[in-house]
Amino acid sequence: MISFDDFLKVDVRVGEITRAEPYPEARRPAIKLWVNFGEELGEKKSSAQITVHYEPAELVGRKVMAVVNFPPRQIGKFMSEILVLGVPDADGEVVLLVPDKDVPIGGRLY
């Protein structure tokens, strides 16, 4: 169990994917993402193992939820700055977590 204060330390925000590219050099198939979180945070990068359900071209313009306050992590030759959130489908493949209504980018989960 964690306290509510522990939960508040995790900064989850809504961002909009501005660019997406295949990342064939990754150990597991992945897509490189650039996600805009608005004026306060700007654009951040992530590598996401979402190739089963998503093509890079269809991701541009989509809103996603991401943890924005983890330290950057080197994924091969790509520096991942955020963790884009998803849940497994029945086969264990990632399905992105997205807001179900139109919300402004940069909004924090609460």
C-alpha atoms as a PDB file:
ATOM      1  CA  MET A   1       0.000   0.000   0.000  1.00  0.00           C
ATOM      2  CA  ILE A   2       1.144   3.530  -0.721  1.00  0.00           C
ATOM      3  CA  SER A   3      -0.007   6.758   0.815  1.00  0.00           C
ATOM      4  CA  PHE A   4      -1.896   9.436  -1.095  1.00  0.00           C
ATOM      5  CA  ASP A   5       1.226  11.598  -0.793  1.00  0.00           C
ATOM      6  CA  ASP A   6       3.188   8.860  -2.604  1.00  0.00           C
ATOM      7  CA  PHE A   7       0.594   8.891  -5.402  1.00  0.00           C
ATOM      8  CA  LEU A   8       0.920  12.667  -5.733  1.00  0.00           C
ATOM      9  CA  LYS A   9       4.656  12.269  -6.458  1.00  0.00           C
ATOM     10  CA  VAL A  10       3.837  10.547  -9.764  1.00  0.00           C
ATOM     11  CA  ASP A  11       3.191  13.269 -12.348  1.00  0.00           C
ATOM     12  CA  VAL A  12       0.871  11.854 -15.026  1.00  0.00           C
ATOM     13  CA  ARG A  13      -0.082  14.282 -17.791  1.00  0.00           C
ATOM     14  CA  VAL A  14      -1.987  14.287 -21.053  1.00  0.00           C
ATOM     15  CA  GLY A  15       0.112  14.997 -24.121  1.00  0.00           C
ATOM     16  CA  GLU A  16      -0.362  15.005 -27.883  1.00  0.00           C
ATOM     17  CA  ILE A  17       1.838  12.919 -30.144  1.00  0.00           C
ATOM     18  CA  THR A  18       3.517  15.252 -32.654  1.00  0.00           C
ATOM     19  CA  ARG A  19       5.826  12.747 -34.331  1.00  0.00           C
ATOM     20  CA  ALA A  20       6.152   8.950 -34.445  1.00  0.00           C
ATOM     21  CA  GLU A  21       8.785   6.787 -36.150  1.00  0.00           C
ATOM     22  CA  PRO A  22       9.526   3.069 -36.278  1.00  0.00           C
ATOM     23  CA  TYR A  23      12.386   2.014 -33.993  1.00  0.00           C
ATOM     24  CA  PRO A  24      13.686  -1.205 -35.573  1.00  0.00           C
ATOM     25  CA  GLU A  25      16.985  -1.025 -33.633  1.00  0.00           C
ATOM     26  CA  ALA A  26      15.186  -1.632 -30.316  1.00  0.00           C
ATOM     27  CA  ARG A  27      15.494  -5.105 -28.752  1.00  0.00           C
ATOM     28  CA  ARG A  28      11.711  -5.503 -28.931  1.00  0.00           C
ATOM     29  CA  PRO A  29       9.762  -3.821 -31.745  1.00  0.00           C
ATOM     30  CA  ALA A  30       8.982  -0.250 -30.715  1.00  0.00           C
ATOM     31  CA  ILE A  31       7.922   3.162 -31.951  1.00  0.00           C
ATOM     32  CA  LYS A  32       9.762   6.390 -31.126  1.00  0.00           C
ATOM     33  CA  LEU A  33       7.312   9.075 -29.996  1.00  0.00           C
ATOM     34  CA  TRP A  34       7.573  12.827 -29.543  1.00  0.00           C
ATOM     35  CA  VAL A  35       4.809  14.076 -27.251  1.00  0.00           C
ATOM     36  CA  ASN A  36       3.859  17.721 -26.655  1.00  0.00           C
ATOM     37  CA  PHE A  37       2.732  18.575 -23.108  1.00  0.00           C
ATOM     38  CA  GLY A  38       2.214  22.304 -23.682  1.00  0.00           C
ATOM     39  CA  GLU A  39       4.081  25.391 -22.524  1.00  0.00           C
ATOM     40  CA  GLU A  40       5.054  24.174 -19.056  1.00  0.00           C
ATOM     41  CA  LEU A  41       6.783  20.928 -20.091  1.00  0.00           C
ATOM     42  CA  GLY A  42       7.222  21.219 -23.849  1.00  0.00           C
ATOM     43  CA  GLU A  43       7.938  18.227 -26.052  1.00  0.00           C
ATOM     44  CA  LYS A  44       9.318  14.973 -24.584  1.00  0.00           C
ATOM     45  CA  LYS A  45      10.467  11.722 -26.219  1.00  0.00           C
ATOM     46  CA  SER A  46       9.579   8.119 -25.507  1.00  0.00           C
ATOM     47  CA  SER A  47      10.154   4.656 -26.930  1.00  0.00           C
ATOM     48  CA  ALA A  48       7.002   2.547 -26.713  1.00  0.00           C
ATOM     49  CA  GLN A  49       6.454  -1.151 -27.465  1.00  0.00           C
ATOM     50  CA  ILE A  50       3.099  -0.574 -29.136  1.00  0.00           C
ATOM     51  CA  THR A  51       3.709  -1.974 -32.643  1.00  0.00           C
ATOM     52  CA  VAL A  52       1.004  -4.667 -32.505  1.00  0.00           C
ATOM     53  CA  HIS A  53      -1.908  -2.224 -32.333  1.00  0.00           C
ATOM     54  CA  TYR A  54      -0.443   1.005 -33.751  1.00  0.00           C
ATOM     55  CA  GLU A  55       1.330   2.314 -36.845  1.00  0.00           C
ATOM     56  CA  PRO A  56       3.476   5.464 -36.503  1.00  0.00           C
ATOM     57  CA  ALA A  57       1.425   7.497 -39.010  1.00  0.00           C
ATOM     58  CA  GLU A  58      -1.864   6.895 -37.171  1.00  0.00           C
ATOM     59  CA  LEU A  59      -0.429   8.053 -33.839  1.00  0.00           C
ATOM     60  CA  VAL A  60       0.313  11.662 -34.817  1.00  0.00           C
ATOM     61  CA  GLY A  61      -2.341  13.932 -33.312  1.00  0.00           C
ATOM     62  CA  ARG A  62      -3.503  11.381 -30.721  1.00  0.00           C
ATOM     63  CA  LYS A  63      -3.627  12.282 -27.056  1.00  0.00           C
ATOM     64  CA  VAL A  64      -1.977   9.923 -24.570  1.00  0.00           C
ATOM     65  CA  MET A  65      -1.306   9.727 -20.852  1.00  0.00           C
ATOM     66  CA  ALA A  66       2.309   9.625 -19.652  1.00  0.00           C
ATOM     67  CA  VAL A  67       4.430   9.800 -16.511  1.00  0.00           C
ATOM     68  CA  VAL A  68       6.581  12.893 -17.021  1.00  0.00           C
ATOM     69  CA  ASN A  69       8.752  12.922 -13.890  1.00  0.00           C
ATOM     70  CA  PHE A  70      10.824   9.743 -14.192  1.00  0.00           C
ATOM     71  CA  PRO A  71      14.525  10.259 -14.926  1.00  0.00           C
ATOM     72  CA  PRO A  72      15.461   9.903 -18.624  1.00  0.00           C
ATOM     73  CA  ARG A  73      16.369   6.368 -19.690  1.00  0.00           C
ATOM     74  CA  GLN A  74      18.608   5.282 -22.544  1.00  0.00           C
ATOM     75  CA  ILE A  75      16.788   2.834 -24.842  1.00  0.00           C
ATOM     76  CA  GLY A  76      19.448   1.774 -27.339  1.00  0.00           C
ATOM     77  CA  LYS A  77      20.575   4.957 -29.094  1.00  0.00           C
ATOM     78  CA  PHE A  78      17.376   6.808 -28.110  1.00  0.00           C
ATOM     79  CA  MET A  79      16.869   8.759 -24.872  1.00  0.00           C
ATOM     80  CA  SER A  80      13.376   8.155 -23.464  1.00  0.00           C
ATOM     81  CA  GLU A  81      12.216  11.025 -21.233  1.00  0.00           C
ATOM     82  CA  ILE A  82       8.677   9.904 -20.354  1.00  0.00           C
ATOM     83  CA  LEU A  83       6.700   6.705 -19.835  1.00  0.00           C
ATOM     84  CA  VAL A  84       3.648   6.553 -22.089  1.00  0.00           C
ATOM     85  CA  LEU A  85       0.997   4.527 -20.268  1.00  0.00           C
ATOM     86  CA  GLY A  86      -0.900   1.529 -21.538  1.00  0.00           C
ATOM     87  CA  VAL A  87      -2.627  -1.632 -20.398  1.00  0.00           C
ATOM     88  CA  PRO A  88      -2.401  -5.178 -21.788  1.00  0.00           C
ATOM     89  CA  ASP A  89      -5.088  -6.592 -24.037  1.00  0.00           C
ATOM     90  CA  ALA A  90      -6.145 -10.260 -23.745  1.00  0.00           C
ATOM     91  CA  ASP A  91      -2.897 -11.296 -25.494  1.00  0.00           C
ATOM     92  CA  GLY A  92      -0.649  -9.097 -23.326  1.00  0.00           C
ATOM     93  CA  GLU A  93      -0.085  -6.468 -26.035  1.00  0.00           C
ATOM     94  CA  VAL A  94      -0.099  -2.779 -25.087  1.00  0.00           C
ATOM     95  CA  VAL A  95      -3.179  -0.622 -25.615  1.00  0.00           C
ATOM     96  CA  LEU A  96      -2.577   3.073 -24.916  1.00  0.00           C
ATOM     97  CA  LEU A  97      -4.359   4.894 -22.101  1.00  0.00           C
ATOM     98  CA  VAL A  98      -6.099   7.939 -23.549  1.00  0.00           C
ATOM     99  CA  PRO A  99      -8.593  10.526 -22.270  1.00  0.00           C
ATOM    100  CA  ASP A 100     -12.117   9.704 -23.461  1.00  0.00           C
ATOM    101  CA  LYS A 101     -13.029  13.379 -23.961  1.00  0.00           C
ATOM    102  CA  ASP A 102     -11.157  16.272 -25.580  1.00  0.00           C
ATOM    103  CA  VAL A 103      -8.960  17.783 -22.854  1.00  0.00           C
ATOM    104  CA  PRO A 104      -6.160  20.364 -23.008  1.00  0.00           C
ATOM    105  CA  ILE A 105      -2.627  19.036 -23.280  1.00  0.00           C
ATOM    106  CA  GLY A 106      -0.536  19.303 -20.125  1.00  0.00           C
ATOM    107  CA  GLY A 107      -3.454  18.473 -17.832  1.00  0.00           C
ATOM    108  CA  ARG A 108      -2.419  16.498 -14.766  1.00  0.00           C
ATOM    109  CA  LEU A 109      -4.118  13.293 -13.644  1.00  0.00           C
ATOM    110  CA  TYR A 110      -5.975  13.492 -10.349  1.00  0.00           C
END
